[in-house]
Amino acid sequence: MFGSYHYHEIIKRTIVAFGTLFNNLYIKHQDGTGADNSVIKVPISYGPVQKFLARLDEKPDLRKRVAITLPRMSFEMTDIVYDPSRKVSTVQTFQANRTGVGPIQVYMPAPYNVSIELSILTKYQDDMLQILEQILPYFQPQFNLTVDLVNSIGEKRDIPITLEGITMQDDYEGDYTTRRSLIYTLRFTAKTAIFGKIDDKEGPIIKKVTVDYYGNTDRQDASRQLRYQVTPRAIQDYNDDNTTTLAADISETQLTFDVSNASQFVENSYIMINEESMLITKITGNTLKVSRGMDKTINAKHQVGDSINMINAADDALINYDDEFGFNEDLFDFGDGRLYSPRKDSDL
């Protein structure tokens, strides 16, 4: 009814990720000297606690599987509730990179809270307390769990897991044939996000971010005082412009060298020689003074005649959506009280 089939396994991934938090808990039993007598890894599985209680009460029989052993943990999803406190506009989108497609627009997910119960079954109180003390310090009362929600767009999110409360039950009453079982139930809420169908609709690539800072919180009369603007900066040469060549060999550490013609270079700009990026700090005639090994490139020897390429605005325009890049940053001082419109890219 709502469109084509889609299934991201988000709820399943959230539940599985929750279970992995508790799959490496141990209890220890000690002898009279305080030495470890046994170390037991507490098994955990998905399912209602009633199922394990039924197995616990089974009478062993040579023709049947033996009754369940303690300690043991189980967890299950008990509820899914919409969370209006995390709601955003239903038409709001964000940029994502879909494998094999490129940058696309994705609608914001719907916020839902998934209730999960973790049941701990033990025979001895000390076993129960050992398990609890390996869990409770991490929930105060929230623990963030990173989950890969949608593989196709690489959407990873921190899912807050909140401990809501603990219920204790001690089934000690009964005759001598009744097995004792301590049952502690920990109630958690996982704040996950459910994505709809991911289309291949191509979205625009963000090429500029502008932020205006104001001197006070008076939205009507406040005067903007500072603008911070960021644009992507290429960290490699895309157009192979071959601006000039080296006039002599240079070593890995040499900071000053001559070029055939430096007329097209400007100070505080980037150049690339072979695979090394450099920042020009000073120009004197045809002599360049540079900072070496910029943008995580490696200092290397270069020979006379090697091409020197400028990295400038022409290269910035050729950056692909999945390339590594740097940032050009600009600061402007204002006092006119005008507002900047991102949509029109102009002052109002």
C-alpha atoms as a PDB file:
ATOM      1  CA  MET A   1       0.000   0.000   0.000  1.00  0.00           C
ATOM      2  CA  PHE A   2       2.799   2.415   0.884  1.00  0.00           C
ATOM      3  CA  GLY A   3       5.132   1.617  -2.006  1.00  0.00           C
ATOM      4  CA  SER A   4       7.851  -0.833  -2.956  1.00  0.00           C
ATOM      5  CA  TYR A   5       9.401  -3.326  -0.556  1.00  0.00           C
ATOM      6  CA  HIS A   6      12.151  -2.246   1.819  1.00  0.00           C
ATOM      7  CA  TYR A   7      13.587  -3.826   4.955  1.00  0.00           C
ATOM      8  CA  HIS A   8      16.656  -2.398   6.702  1.00  0.00           C
ATOM      9  CA  GLU A   9      16.563  -4.802   9.718  1.00  0.00           C
ATOM     10  CA  ILE A  10      16.858  -1.770  12.029  1.00  0.00           C
ATOM     11  CA  ILE A  11      14.849  -3.205  14.936  1.00  0.00           C
ATOM     12  CA  LYS A  12      16.607  -6.550  14.562  1.00  0.00           C
ATOM     13  CA  ARG A  13      20.024  -4.858  14.522  1.00  0.00           C
ATOM     14  CA  THR A  14      19.119  -2.839  17.611  1.00  0.00           C
ATOM     15  CA  ILE A  15      18.053  -5.969  19.524  1.00  0.00           C
ATOM     16  CA  VAL A  16      21.122  -7.946  18.462  1.00  0.00           C
ATOM     17  CA  ALA A  17      23.440  -5.077  19.378  1.00  0.00           C
ATOM     18  CA  PHE A  18      21.769  -4.884  22.782  1.00  0.00           C
ATOM     19  CA  GLY A  19      22.387  -8.591  23.385  1.00  0.00           C
ATOM     20  CA  THR A  20      26.083  -8.274  22.538  1.00  0.00           C
ATOM     21  CA  LEU A  21      26.528  -5.914  25.498  1.00  0.00           C
ATOM     22  CA  PHE A  22      26.052  -8.823  27.905  1.00  0.00           C
ATOM     23  CA  ASN A  23      27.666 -11.749  26.084  1.00  0.00           C
ATOM     24  CA  ASN A  24      30.936 -11.666  27.982  1.00  0.00           C
ATOM     25  CA  LEU A  25      29.974 -11.783  31.663  1.00  0.00           C
ATOM     26  CA  TYR A  26      31.547 -14.207  34.129  1.00  0.00           C
ATOM     27  CA  ILE A  27      31.010 -15.363  37.707  1.00  0.00           C
ATOM     28  CA  LYS A  28      33.632 -16.878  39.985  1.00  0.00           C
ATOM     29  CA  HIS A  29      33.322 -19.352  42.837  1.00  0.00           C
ATOM     30  CA  GLN A  30      36.065 -19.404  45.459  1.00  0.00           C
ATOM     31  CA  ASP A  31      37.208 -21.918  48.010  1.00  0.00           C
ATOM     32  CA  GLY A  32      37.899 -21.273  51.690  1.00  0.00           C
ATOM     33  CA  THR A  33      41.331 -19.796  50.944  1.00  0.00           C
ATOM     34  CA  GLY A  34      39.955 -17.203  48.533  1.00  0.00           C
ATOM     35  CA  ALA A  35      41.375 -18.919  45.456  1.00  0.00           C
ATOM     36  CA  ASP A  36      39.195 -19.235  42.366  1.00  0.00           C
ATOM     37  CA  ASN A  37      37.579 -22.641  42.362  1.00  0.00           C
ATOM     38  CA  SER A  38      35.677 -22.173  39.089  1.00  0.00           C
ATOM     39  CA  VAL A  39      35.060 -19.481  36.477  1.00  0.00           C
ATOM     40  CA  ILE A  40      31.762 -19.663  34.590  1.00  0.00           C
ATOM     41  CA  LYS A  41      30.778 -17.640  31.537  1.00  0.00           C
ATOM     42  CA  VAL A  42      27.110 -16.693  31.839  1.00  0.00           C
ATOM     43  CA  PRO A  43      25.217 -17.810  28.701  1.00  0.00           C
ATOM     44  CA  ILE A  44      22.693 -15.444  27.139  1.00  0.00           C
ATOM     45  CA  SER A  45      20.003 -16.067  24.543  1.00  0.00           C
ATOM     46  CA  TYR A  46      16.915 -14.389  23.129  1.00  0.00           C
ATOM     47  CA  GLY A  47      13.569 -15.534  24.452  1.00  0.00           C
ATOM     48  CA  PRO A  48      10.966 -14.952  27.166  1.00  0.00           C
ATOM     49  CA  VAL A  49      11.998 -15.766  30.698  1.00  0.00           C
ATOM     50  CA  GLN A  50       8.942 -18.031  31.086  1.00  0.00           C
ATOM     51  CA  LYS A  51      10.458 -20.393  28.528  1.00  0.00           C
ATOM     52  CA  PHE A  52      13.588 -20.817  30.629  1.00  0.00           C
ATOM     53  CA  LEU A  53      11.587 -21.199  33.837  1.00  0.00           C
ATOM     54  CA  ALA A  54       9.648 -24.031  32.230  1.00  0.00           C
ATOM     55  CA  ARG A  55      12.912 -25.713  31.246  1.00  0.00           C
ATOM     56  CA  LEU A  56      14.225 -25.134  34.747  1.00  0.00           C
ATOM     57  CA  ASP A  57      11.315 -27.109  36.267  1.00  0.00           C
ATOM     58  CA  GLU A  58      11.696 -30.086  33.929  1.00  0.00           C
ATOM     59  CA  LYS A  59      12.599 -33.374  35.549  1.00  0.00           C
ATOM     60  CA  PRO A  60      15.695 -34.955  34.089  1.00  0.00           C
ATOM     61  CA  ASP A  61      15.032 -38.141  32.192  1.00  0.00           C
ATOM     62  CA  LEU A  62      17.427 -40.477  30.409  1.00  0.00           C
ATOM     63  CA  ARG A  63      15.303 -40.165  27.292  1.00  0.00           C
ATOM     64  CA  LYS A  64      15.101 -36.371  27.444  1.00  0.00           C
ATOM     65  CA  ARG A  65      17.445 -33.444  27.496  1.00  0.00           C
ATOM     66  CA  VAL A  66      18.558 -32.452  30.965  1.00  0.00           C
ATOM     67  CA  ALA A  67      16.989 -29.525  32.773  1.00  0.00           C
ATOM     68  CA  ILE A  68      18.472 -26.116  32.189  1.00  0.00           C
ATOM     69  CA  THR A  69      21.483 -25.111  34.304  1.00  0.00           C
ATOM     70  CA  LEU A  70      22.023 -21.838  36.135  1.00  0.00           C
ATOM     71  CA  PRO A  71      23.203 -19.088  35.901  1.00  0.00           C
ATOM     72  CA  ARG A  72      21.644 -17.907  32.679  1.00  0.00           C
ATOM     73  CA  MET A  73      20.450 -14.670  31.051  1.00  0.00           C
ATOM     74  CA  SER A  74      17.705 -14.055  28.521  1.00  0.00           C
ATOM     75  CA  PHE A  75      16.414 -10.927  26.820  1.00  0.00           C
ATOM     76  CA  GLU A  76      13.372 -10.063  24.725  1.00  0.00           C
ATOM     77  CA  MET A  77      11.699  -7.095  23.096  1.00  0.00           C
ATOM     78  CA  THR A  78       8.504  -6.167  24.936  1.00  0.00           C
ATOM     79  CA  ASP A  79       7.244  -2.955  23.324  1.00  0.00           C
ATOM     80  CA  ILE A  80       7.751  -0.413  20.528  1.00  0.00           C
ATOM     81  CA  VAL A  81       6.521   3.139  21.142  1.00  0.00           C
ATOM     82  CA  TYR A  82       6.769   6.292  19.041  1.00  0.00           C
ATOM     83  CA  ASP A  83       8.882   9.014  20.697  1.00  0.00           C
ATOM     84  CA  PRO A  84       7.407  12.476  19.925  1.00  0.00           C
ATOM     85  CA  SER A  85      10.168  14.258  21.869  1.00  0.00           C
ATOM     86  CA  ARG A  86      12.669  13.386  19.107  1.00  0.00           C
ATOM     87  CA  LYS A  87      10.372  14.207  16.189  1.00  0.00           C
ATOM     88  CA  VAL A  88      11.661  16.442  13.371  1.00  0.00           C
ATOM     89  CA  SER A  89       9.929  17.729  10.248  1.00  0.00           C
ATOM     90  CA  THR A  90       8.654  14.905   8.054  1.00  0.00           C
ATOM     91  CA  VAL A  91      10.040  16.662   4.939  1.00  0.00           C
ATOM     92  CA  GLN A  92      13.497  17.319   6.388  1.00  0.00           C
ATOM     93  CA  THR A  93      16.318  15.516   4.599  1.00  0.00           C
ATOM     94  CA  PHE A  94      20.036  14.985   4.995  1.00  0.00           C
ATOM     95  CA  GLN A  95      22.858  14.069   2.648  1.00  0.00           C
ATOM     96  CA  ALA A  96      24.060  10.478   2.467  1.00  0.00           C
ATOM     97  CA  ASN A  97      26.413   8.552   0.232  1.00  0.00           C
ATOM     98  CA  ARG A  98      24.760   5.472  -1.243  1.00  0.00           C
ATOM     99  CA  THR A  99      27.110   2.753  -2.403  1.00  0.00           C
ATOM    100  CA  GLY A 100      27.337   2.693  -6.190  1.00  0.00           C
ATOM    101  CA  VAL A 101      25.085   5.743  -6.587  1.00  0.00           C
ATOM    102  CA  GLY A 102      26.737   8.719  -4.891  1.00  0.00           C
ATOM    103  CA  PRO A 103      25.281  11.546  -2.821  1.00  0.00           C
ATOM    104  CA  ILE A 104      21.537  11.211  -2.308  1.00  0.00           C
ATOM    105  CA  GLN A 105      18.826  12.894  -0.261  1.00  0.00           C
ATOM    106  CA  VAL A 106      17.434  10.800   2.587  1.00  0.00           C
ATOM    107  CA  TYR A 107      14.385  11.673   4.657  1.00  0.00           C
ATOM    108  CA  MET A 108      14.881  11.868   8.400  1.00  0.00           C
ATOM    109  CA  PRO A 109      13.951   8.629  10.211  1.00  0.00           C
ATOM    110  CA  ALA A 110      11.028   8.155  12.572  1.00  0.00           C
ATOM    111  CA  PRO A 111      12.028   8.052  16.274  1.00  0.00           C
ATOM    112  CA  TYR A 112      10.874   4.961  18.146  1.00  0.00           C
ATOM    113  CA  ASN A 113      11.663   3.600  21.597  1.00  0.00           C
ATOM    114  CA  VAL A 114      12.155  -0.146  21.839  1.00  0.00           C
ATOM    115  CA  SER A 115      11.567  -1.650  25.294  1.00  0.00           C
ATOM    116  CA  ILE A 116      13.794  -4.612  26.142  1.00  0.00           C
ATOM    117  CA  GLU A 117      13.849  -6.786  29.247  1.00  0.00           C
ATOM    118  CA  LEU A 118      16.988  -8.570  30.395  1.00  0.00           C
ATOM    119  CA  SER A 119      16.284 -11.438  32.800  1.00  0.00           C
ATOM    120  CA  ILE A 120      19.024 -12.915  34.971  1.00  0.00           C
ATOM    121  CA  LEU A 121      18.441 -16.332  36.525  1.00  0.00           C
ATOM    122  CA  THR A 122      20.759 -17.666  39.215  1.00  0.00           C
ATOM    123  CA  LYS A 123      20.623 -20.161  42.073  1.00  0.00           C
ATOM    124  CA  TYR A 124      22.737 -18.185  44.509  1.00  0.00           C
ATOM    125  CA  GLN A 125      22.468 -14.552  45.548  1.00  0.00           C
ATOM    126  CA  ASP A 126      26.215 -14.015  45.265  1.00  0.00           C
ATOM    127  CA  ASP A 127      26.099 -15.149  41.633  1.00  0.00           C
ATOM    128  CA  MET A 128      23.368 -12.593  40.974  1.00  0.00           C
ATOM    129  CA  LEU A 129      25.309  -9.779  42.623  1.00  0.00           C
ATOM    130  CA  GLN A 130      28.440 -10.604  40.646  1.00  0.00           C
ATOM    131  CA  ILE A 131      26.494 -10.254  37.394  1.00  0.00           C
ATOM    132  CA  LEU A 132      24.739  -7.049  38.470  1.00  0.00           C
ATOM    133  CA  GLU A 133      27.971  -5.330  39.431  1.00  0.00           C
ATOM    134  CA  GLN A 134      29.362  -6.021  35.961  1.00  0.00           C
ATOM    135  CA  ILE A 135      26.353  -4.256  34.382  1.00  0.00           C
ATOM    136  CA  LEU A 136      25.141  -1.397  36.572  1.00  0.00           C
ATOM    137  CA  PRO A 137      28.260   0.856  36.526  1.00  0.00           C
ATOM    138  CA  TYR A 138      27.846   1.413  32.769  1.00  0.00           C
ATOM    139  CA  PHE A 139      24.245   2.663  32.996  1.00  0.00           C
ATOM    140  CA  GLN A 140      24.010   6.029  34.750  1.00  0.00           C
ATOM    141  CA  PRO A 141      21.329   5.545  33.630  1.00  0.00           C
ATOM    142  CA  GLN A 142      22.265   5.673  29.916  1.00  0.00           C
ATOM    143  CA  PHE A 143      24.804   3.911  27.721  1.00  0.00           C
ATOM    144  CA  ASN A 144      25.359   4.844  24.067  1.00  0.00           C
ATOM    145  CA  LEU A 145      25.646   1.926  21.659  1.00  0.00           C
ATOM    146  CA  THR A 146      26.797   2.513  18.069  1.00  0.00           C
ATOM    147  CA  VAL A 147      24.672   0.557  15.588  1.00  0.00           C
ATOM    148  CA  ASP A 148      25.040   0.276  11.809  1.00  0.00           C
ATOM    149  CA  LEU A 149      21.391   0.970  10.985  1.00  0.00           C
ATOM    150  CA  VAL A 150      21.387   1.129   7.156  1.00  0.00           C
ATOM    151  CA  ASN A 151      24.241  -0.526   5.281  1.00  0.00           C
ATOM    152  CA  SER A 152      23.465   0.980   1.873  1.00  0.00           C
ATOM    153  CA  ILE A 153      24.159   4.549   3.043  1.00  0.00           C
ATOM    154  CA  GLY A 154      26.630   3.738   5.817  1.00  0.00           C
ATOM    155  CA  GLU A 155      24.273   5.168   8.440  1.00  0.00           C
ATOM    156  CA  LYS A 156      25.751   4.552  11.874  1.00  0.00           C
ATOM    157  CA  ARG A 157      24.085   6.098  14.913  1.00  0.00           C
ATOM    158  CA  ASP A 158      24.581   6.140  18.638  1.00  0.00           C
ATOM    159  CA  ILE A 159      21.536   4.443  20.168  1.00  0.00           C
ATOM    160  CA  PRO A 160      21.028   5.498  23.811  1.00  0.00           C
ATOM    161  CA  ILE A 161      20.221   2.476  25.999  1.00  0.00           C
ATOM    162  CA  THR A 162      18.571   3.620  29.242  1.00  0.00           C
ATOM    163  CA  LEU A 163      18.119   1.440  32.324  1.00  0.00           C
ATOM    164  CA  GLU A 164      14.564   2.137  33.505  1.00  0.00           C
ATOM    165  CA  GLY A 165      14.391  -0.121  36.565  1.00  0.00           C
ATOM    166  CA  ILE A 166      15.062  -3.481  38.205  1.00  0.00           C
ATOM    167  CA  THR A 167      12.566  -6.045  39.463  1.00  0.00           C
ATOM    168  CA  MET A 168      13.673  -8.790  41.896  1.00  0.00           C
ATOM    169  CA  GLN A 169      12.005 -12.152  42.459  1.00  0.00           C
ATOM    170  CA  ASP A 170      13.141 -14.932  44.780  1.00  0.00           C
ATOM    171  CA  ASP A 171      11.312 -18.253  44.293  1.00  0.00           C
ATOM    172  CA  TYR A 172      12.604 -19.776  47.534  1.00  0.00           C
ATOM    173  CA  GLU A 173       9.245 -20.845  48.981  1.00  0.00           C
ATOM    174  CA  GLY A 174       8.355 -24.497  48.470  1.00  0.00           C
ATOM    175  CA  ASP A 175       9.236 -27.991  49.522  1.00  0.00           C
ATOM    176  CA  TYR A 176      12.650 -29.601  49.387  1.00  0.00           C
ATOM    177  CA  THR A 177      12.105 -30.856  45.847  1.00  0.00           C
ATOM    178  CA  THR A 178      11.533 -27.357  44.512  1.00  0.00           C
ATOM    179  CA  ARG A 179      14.572 -25.805  42.878  1.00  0.00           C
ATOM    180  CA  ARG A 180      15.429 -22.323  44.013  1.00  0.00           C
ATOM    181  CA  SER A 181      15.744 -19.636  41.346  1.00  0.00           C
ATOM    182  CA  LEU A 182      16.554 -15.962  41.733  1.00  0.00           C
ATOM    183  CA  ILE A 183      15.167 -13.838  38.921  1.00  0.00           C
ATOM    184  CA  TYR A 184      16.209 -10.223  38.401  1.00  0.00           C
ATOM    185  CA  THR A 185      14.587  -8.368  35.506  1.00  0.00           C
ATOM    186  CA  LEU A 186      16.307  -5.262  34.146  1.00  0.00           C
ATOM    187  CA  ARG A 187      14.095  -3.026  31.999  1.00  0.00           C
ATOM    188  CA  PHE A 188      15.796  -1.026  29.243  1.00  0.00           C
ATOM    189  CA  THR A 189      14.687   1.459  26.591  1.00  0.00           C
ATOM    190  CA  ALA A 190      16.606   1.724  23.296  1.00  0.00           C
ATOM    191  CA  LYS A 191      16.017   4.995  21.427  1.00  0.00           C
ATOM    192  CA  THR A 192      16.399   3.899  17.831  1.00  0.00           C
ATOM    193  CA  ALA A 193      15.418   5.444  14.488  1.00  0.00           C
ATOM    194  CA  ILE A 194      13.405   3.722  11.744  1.00  0.00           C
ATOM    195  CA  PHE A 195      14.263   4.658   8.162  1.00  0.00           C
ATOM    196  CA  GLY A 196      11.857   4.393   5.266  1.00  0.00           C
ATOM    197  CA  LYS A 197      12.687   3.446   1.699  1.00  0.00           C
ATOM    198  CA  ILE A 198      16.027   4.796   0.505  1.00  0.00           C
ATOM    199  CA  ASP A 199      15.554   6.157  -3.024  1.00  0.00           C
ATOM    200  CA  ASP A 200      18.281   6.907  -5.553  1.00  0.00           C
ATOM    201  CA  LYS A 201      17.235  10.552  -5.808  1.00  0.00           C
ATOM    202  CA  GLU A 202      20.433  12.508  -6.237  1.00  0.00           C
ATOM    203  CA  GLY A 203      20.901  15.310  -3.759  1.00  0.00           C
ATOM    204  CA  PRO A 204      22.961  18.484  -4.119  1.00  0.00           C
ATOM    205  CA  ILE A 205      26.476  18.456  -2.696  1.00  0.00           C
ATOM    206  CA  ILE A 206      27.045  21.058   0.001  1.00  0.00           C
ATOM    207  CA  LYS A 207      29.820  23.364  -1.218  1.00  0.00           C
ATOM    208  CA  LYS A 208      29.585  26.185   1.313  1.00  0.00           C
ATOM    209  CA  VAL A 209      28.552  26.620   4.942  1.00  0.00           C
ATOM    210  CA  THR A 210      27.906  30.088   6.391  1.00  0.00           C
ATOM    211  CA  VAL A 211      27.294  30.882  10.066  1.00  0.00           C
ATOM    212  CA  ASP A 212      26.476  34.367  11.419  1.00  0.00           C
ATOM    213  CA  TYR A 213      27.207  35.145  15.061  1.00  0.00           C
ATOM    214  CA  TYR A 214      25.163  37.741  16.955  1.00  0.00           C
ATOM    215  CA  GLY A 215      26.031  39.834  19.989  1.00  0.00           C
ATOM    216  CA  ASN A 216      22.871  39.019  21.961  1.00  0.00           C
ATOM    217  CA  THR A 217      19.737  36.904  21.883  1.00  0.00           C
ATOM    218  CA  ASP A 218      17.344  39.686  20.799  1.00  0.00           C
ATOM    219  CA  ARG A 219      16.210  38.209  17.486  1.00  0.00           C
ATOM    220  CA  GLN A 220      14.548  41.420  16.273  1.00  0.00           C
ATOM    221  CA  ASP A 221      17.188  44.032  17.080  1.00  0.00           C
ATOM    222  CA  ALA A 222      20.382  41.965  17.351  1.00  0.00           C
ATOM    223  CA  SER A 223      23.237  43.080  15.126  1.00  0.00           C
ATOM    224  CA  ARG A 224      25.345  40.352  13.603  1.00  0.00           C
ATOM    225  CA  GLN A 225      28.996  40.769  14.485  1.00  0.00           C
ATOM    226  CA  LEU A 226      30.860  37.929  12.823  1.00  0.00           C
ATOM    227  CA  ARG A 227      30.431  35.601   9.861  1.00  0.00           C
ATOM    228  CA  TYR A 228      32.295  32.322   9.565  1.00  0.00           C
ATOM    229  CA  GLN A 229      32.323  30.731   6.111  1.00  0.00           C
ATOM    230  CA  VAL A 230      33.748  27.388   5.061  1.00  0.00           C
ATOM    231  CA  THR A 231      34.225  25.970   1.555  1.00  0.00           C
ATOM    232  CA  PRO A 232      35.925  22.726   0.463  1.00  0.00           C
ATOM    233  CA  ARG A 233      39.600  22.958  -0.477  1.00  0.00           C
ATOM    234  CA  ALA A 234      41.186  20.484  -2.853  1.00  0.00           C
ATOM    235  CA  ILE A 235      44.216  18.687  -1.438  1.00  0.00           C
ATOM    236  CA  GLN A 236      45.295  17.269  -4.794  1.00  0.00           C
ATOM    237  CA  ASP A 237      45.695  18.551  -8.331  1.00  0.00           C
ATOM    238  CA  TYR A 238      42.786  17.566 -10.592  1.00  0.00           C
ATOM    239  CA  ASN A 239      43.421  19.444 -13.851  1.00  0.00           C
ATOM    240  CA  ASP A 240      47.157  18.754 -14.296  1.00  0.00           C
ATOM    241  CA  ASP A 241      47.832  22.407 -15.159  1.00  0.00           C
ATOM    242  CA  ASN A 242      51.669  22.070 -15.251  1.00  0.00           C
ATOM    243  CA  THR A 243      52.137  25.714 -14.222  1.00  0.00           C
ATOM    244  CA  THR A 244      55.937  25.557 -14.231  1.00  0.00           C
ATOM    245  CA  THR A 245      58.880  23.237 -13.520  1.00  0.00           C
ATOM    246  CA  LEU A 246      61.684  22.880 -11.000  1.00  0.00           C
ATOM    247  CA  ALA A 247      64.879  24.689 -11.905  1.00  0.00           C
ATOM    248  CA  ALA A 248      67.072  22.340  -9.826  1.00  0.00           C
ATOM    249  CA  ASP A 249      66.926  19.156  -7.744  1.00  0.00           C
ATOM    250  CA  ILE A 250      65.576  19.469  -4.180  1.00  0.00           C
ATOM    251  CA  SER A 251      65.988  17.197  -1.146  1.00  0.00           C
ATOM    252  CA  GLU A 252      63.335  15.955   1.276  1.00  0.00           C
ATOM    253  CA  THR A 253      64.070  18.747   3.789  1.00  0.00           C
ATOM    254  CA  GLN A 254      64.797  21.706   1.512  1.00  0.00           C
ATOM    255  CA  LEU A 255      62.395  24.618   2.144  1.00  0.00           C
ATOM    256  CA  THR A 256      63.631  27.100  -0.497  1.00  0.00           C
ATOM    257  CA  PHE A 257      64.095  26.321  -4.203  1.00  0.00           C
ATOM    258  CA  ASP A 258      64.004  27.915  -7.635  1.00  0.00           C
ATOM    259  CA  VAL A 259      61.401  27.368 -10.359  1.00  0.00           C
ATOM    260  CA  SER A 260      61.424  28.248 -14.029  1.00  0.00           C
ATOM    261  CA  ASN A 261      58.687  30.886 -13.704  1.00  0.00           C
ATOM    262  CA  ALA A 262      56.913  31.927 -10.487  1.00  0.00           C
ATOM    263  CA  SER A 263      54.744  34.665 -11.983  1.00  0.00           C
ATOM    264  CA  GLN A 264      51.466  32.716 -11.612  1.00  0.00           C
ATOM    265  CA  PHE A 265      51.994  31.735  -7.972  1.00  0.00           C
ATOM    266  CA  VAL A 266      50.707  33.656  -4.953  1.00  0.00           C
ATOM    267  CA  GLU A 267      51.710  33.415  -1.321  1.00  0.00           C
ATOM    268  CA  ASN A 268      49.658  31.218   1.051  1.00  0.00           C
ATOM    269  CA  SER A 269      48.562  28.963  -1.806  1.00  0.00           C
ATOM    270  CA  TYR A 270      49.168  25.257  -2.362  1.00  0.00           C
ATOM    271  CA  ILE A 271      51.217  23.518  -5.029  1.00  0.00           C
ATOM    272  CA  MET A 272      51.887  19.862  -5.792  1.00  0.00           C
ATOM    273  CA  ILE A 273      55.121  18.336  -7.043  1.00  0.00           C
ATOM    274  CA  ASN A 274      54.660  14.683  -7.951  1.00  0.00           C
ATOM    275  CA  GLU A 275      52.768  13.288  -4.891  1.00  0.00           C
ATOM    276  CA  GLU A 276      53.859  15.936  -2.350  1.00  0.00           C
ATOM    277  CA  SER A 277      51.746  18.949  -1.426  1.00  0.00           C
ATOM    278  CA  MET A 278      53.430  22.187  -0.333  1.00  0.00           C
ATOM    279  CA  LEU A 279      52.270  25.573   0.977  1.00  0.00           C
ATOM    280  CA  ILE A 280      53.956  28.660  -0.481  1.00  0.00           C
ATOM    281  CA  THR A 281      54.884  31.011   2.369  1.00  0.00           C
ATOM    282  CA  LYS A 282      57.016  33.518   0.450  1.00  0.00           C
ATOM    283  CA  ILE A 283      57.889  34.368  -3.167  1.00  0.00           C
ATOM    284  CA  THR A 284      61.080  36.231  -4.135  1.00  0.00           C
ATOM    285  CA  GLY A 285      61.511  36.441  -7.897  1.00  0.00           C
ATOM    286  CA  ASN A 286      61.536  32.841  -9.084  1.00  0.00           C
ATOM    287  CA  THR A 287      62.417  31.494  -5.639  1.00  0.00           C
ATOM    288  CA  LEU A 288      59.744  29.846  -3.495  1.00  0.00           C
ATOM    289  CA  LYS A 289      59.834  29.324   0.235  1.00  0.00           C
ATOM    290  CA  VAL A 290      57.439  26.544   1.270  1.00  0.00           C
ATOM    291  CA  SER A 291      56.153  24.331   4.053  1.00  0.00           C
ATOM    292  CA  ARG A 292      56.668  20.701   3.045  1.00  0.00           C
ATOM    293  CA  GLY A 293      54.485  17.584   3.328  1.00  0.00           C
ATOM    294  CA  MET A 294      51.120  19.328   3.629  1.00  0.00           C
ATOM    295  CA  ASP A 295      47.759  17.497   3.899  1.00  0.00           C
ATOM    296  CA  LYS A 296      49.420  14.278   5.144  1.00  0.00           C
ATOM    297  CA  THR A 297      51.614  13.898   2.066  1.00  0.00           C
ATOM    298  CA  ILE A 298      55.212  12.678   2.486  1.00  0.00           C
ATOM    299  CA  ASN A 299      58.362  14.733   1.924  1.00  0.00           C
ATOM    300  CA  ALA A 300      60.284  13.399  -1.076  1.00  0.00           C
ATOM    301  CA  LYS A 301      63.189  14.209  -3.370  1.00  0.00           C
ATOM    302  CA  HIS A 302      62.278  15.969  -6.623  1.00  0.00           C
ATOM    303  CA  GLN A 303      64.354  16.464  -9.748  1.00  0.00           C
ATOM    304  CA  VAL A 304      65.007  19.369 -12.080  1.00  0.00           C
ATOM    305  CA  GLY A 305      62.247  19.579 -14.717  1.00  0.00           C
ATOM    306  CA  ASP A 306      59.552  18.028 -12.535  1.00  0.00           C
ATOM    307  CA  SER A 307      56.161  19.640 -13.144  1.00  0.00           C
ATOM    308  CA  ILE A 308      54.678  21.949 -10.508  1.00  0.00           C
ATOM    309  CA  ASN A 309      50.874  22.104 -10.383  1.00  0.00           C
ATOM    310  CA  MET A 310      48.837  24.778  -8.642  1.00  0.00           C
ATOM    311  CA  ILE A 311      46.031  23.687  -6.333  1.00  0.00           C
ATOM    312  CA  ASN A 312      43.505  26.503  -6.614  1.00  0.00           C
ATOM    313  CA  ALA A 313      39.801  27.272  -7.091  1.00  0.00           C
ATOM    314  CA  ALA A 314      39.752  25.367 -10.378  1.00  0.00           C
ATOM    315  CA  ASP A 315      40.692  22.205  -8.474  1.00  0.00           C
ATOM    316  CA  ASP A 316      38.212  23.004  -5.678  1.00  0.00           C
ATOM    317  CA  ALA A 317      35.389  22.880  -8.239  1.00  0.00           C
ATOM    318  CA  LEU A 318      36.435  19.362  -9.321  1.00  0.00           C
ATOM    319  CA  ILE A 319      36.256  17.703  -5.881  1.00  0.00           C
ATOM    320  CA  ASN A 320      34.192  14.502  -6.015  1.00  0.00           C
ATOM    321  CA  TYR A 321      31.719  13.619  -3.274  1.00  0.00           C
ATOM    322  CA  ASP A 322      33.853  10.727  -1.981  1.00  0.00           C
ATOM    323  CA  ASP A 323      37.241  12.500  -2.134  1.00  0.00           C
ATOM    324  CA  GLU A 324      39.311  13.602   0.813  1.00  0.00           C
ATOM    325  CA  PHE A 325      39.461  17.391   1.053  1.00  0.00           C
ATOM    326  CA  GLY A 326      40.388  20.256   3.340  1.00  0.00           C
ATOM    327  CA  PHE A 327      38.643  23.526   4.162  1.00  0.00           C
ATOM    328  CA  ASN A 328      38.988  27.169   3.183  1.00  0.00           C
ATOM    329  CA  GLU A 329      37.943  29.341   6.113  1.00  0.00           C
ATOM    330  CA  ASP A 330      36.932  33.014   6.019  1.00  0.00           C
ATOM    331  CA  LEU A 331      35.955  35.424   8.787  1.00  0.00           C
ATOM    332  CA  PHE A 332      34.049  38.684   8.217  1.00  0.00           C
ATOM    333  CA  ASP A 333      33.174  41.429  10.702  1.00  0.00           C
ATOM    334  CA  PHE A 334      29.703  43.017  10.493  1.00  0.00           C
ATOM    335  CA  GLY A 335      27.570  45.547  12.279  1.00  0.00           C
ATOM    336  CA  ASP A 336      24.690  46.071   9.874  1.00  0.00           C
ATOM    337  CA  GLY A 337      22.067  43.843  11.546  1.00  0.00           C
ATOM    338  CA  ARG A 338      21.162  42.188   8.229  1.00  0.00           C
ATOM    339  CA  LEU A 339      20.315  38.508   7.831  1.00  0.00           C
ATOM    340  CA  TYR A 340      21.972  36.014   5.518  1.00  0.00           C
ATOM    341  CA  SER A 341      19.756  33.798   3.334  1.00  0.00           C
ATOM    342  CA  PRO A 342      21.390  30.409   2.633  1.00  0.00           C
ATOM    343  CA  ARG A 343      18.874  29.671  -0.096  1.00  0.00           C
ATOM    344  CA  LYS A 344      19.567  32.900  -2.022  1.00  0.00           C
ATOM    345  CA  ASP A 345      23.231  33.064  -0.924  1.00  0.00           C
ATOM    346  CA  SER A 346      22.847  36.785  -0.249  1.00  0.00           C
ATOM    347  CA  ASP A 347      22.054  39.277   2.526  1.00  0.00           C
ATOM    348  CA  LEU A 348      18.463  40.304   3.081  1.00  0.00           C
END
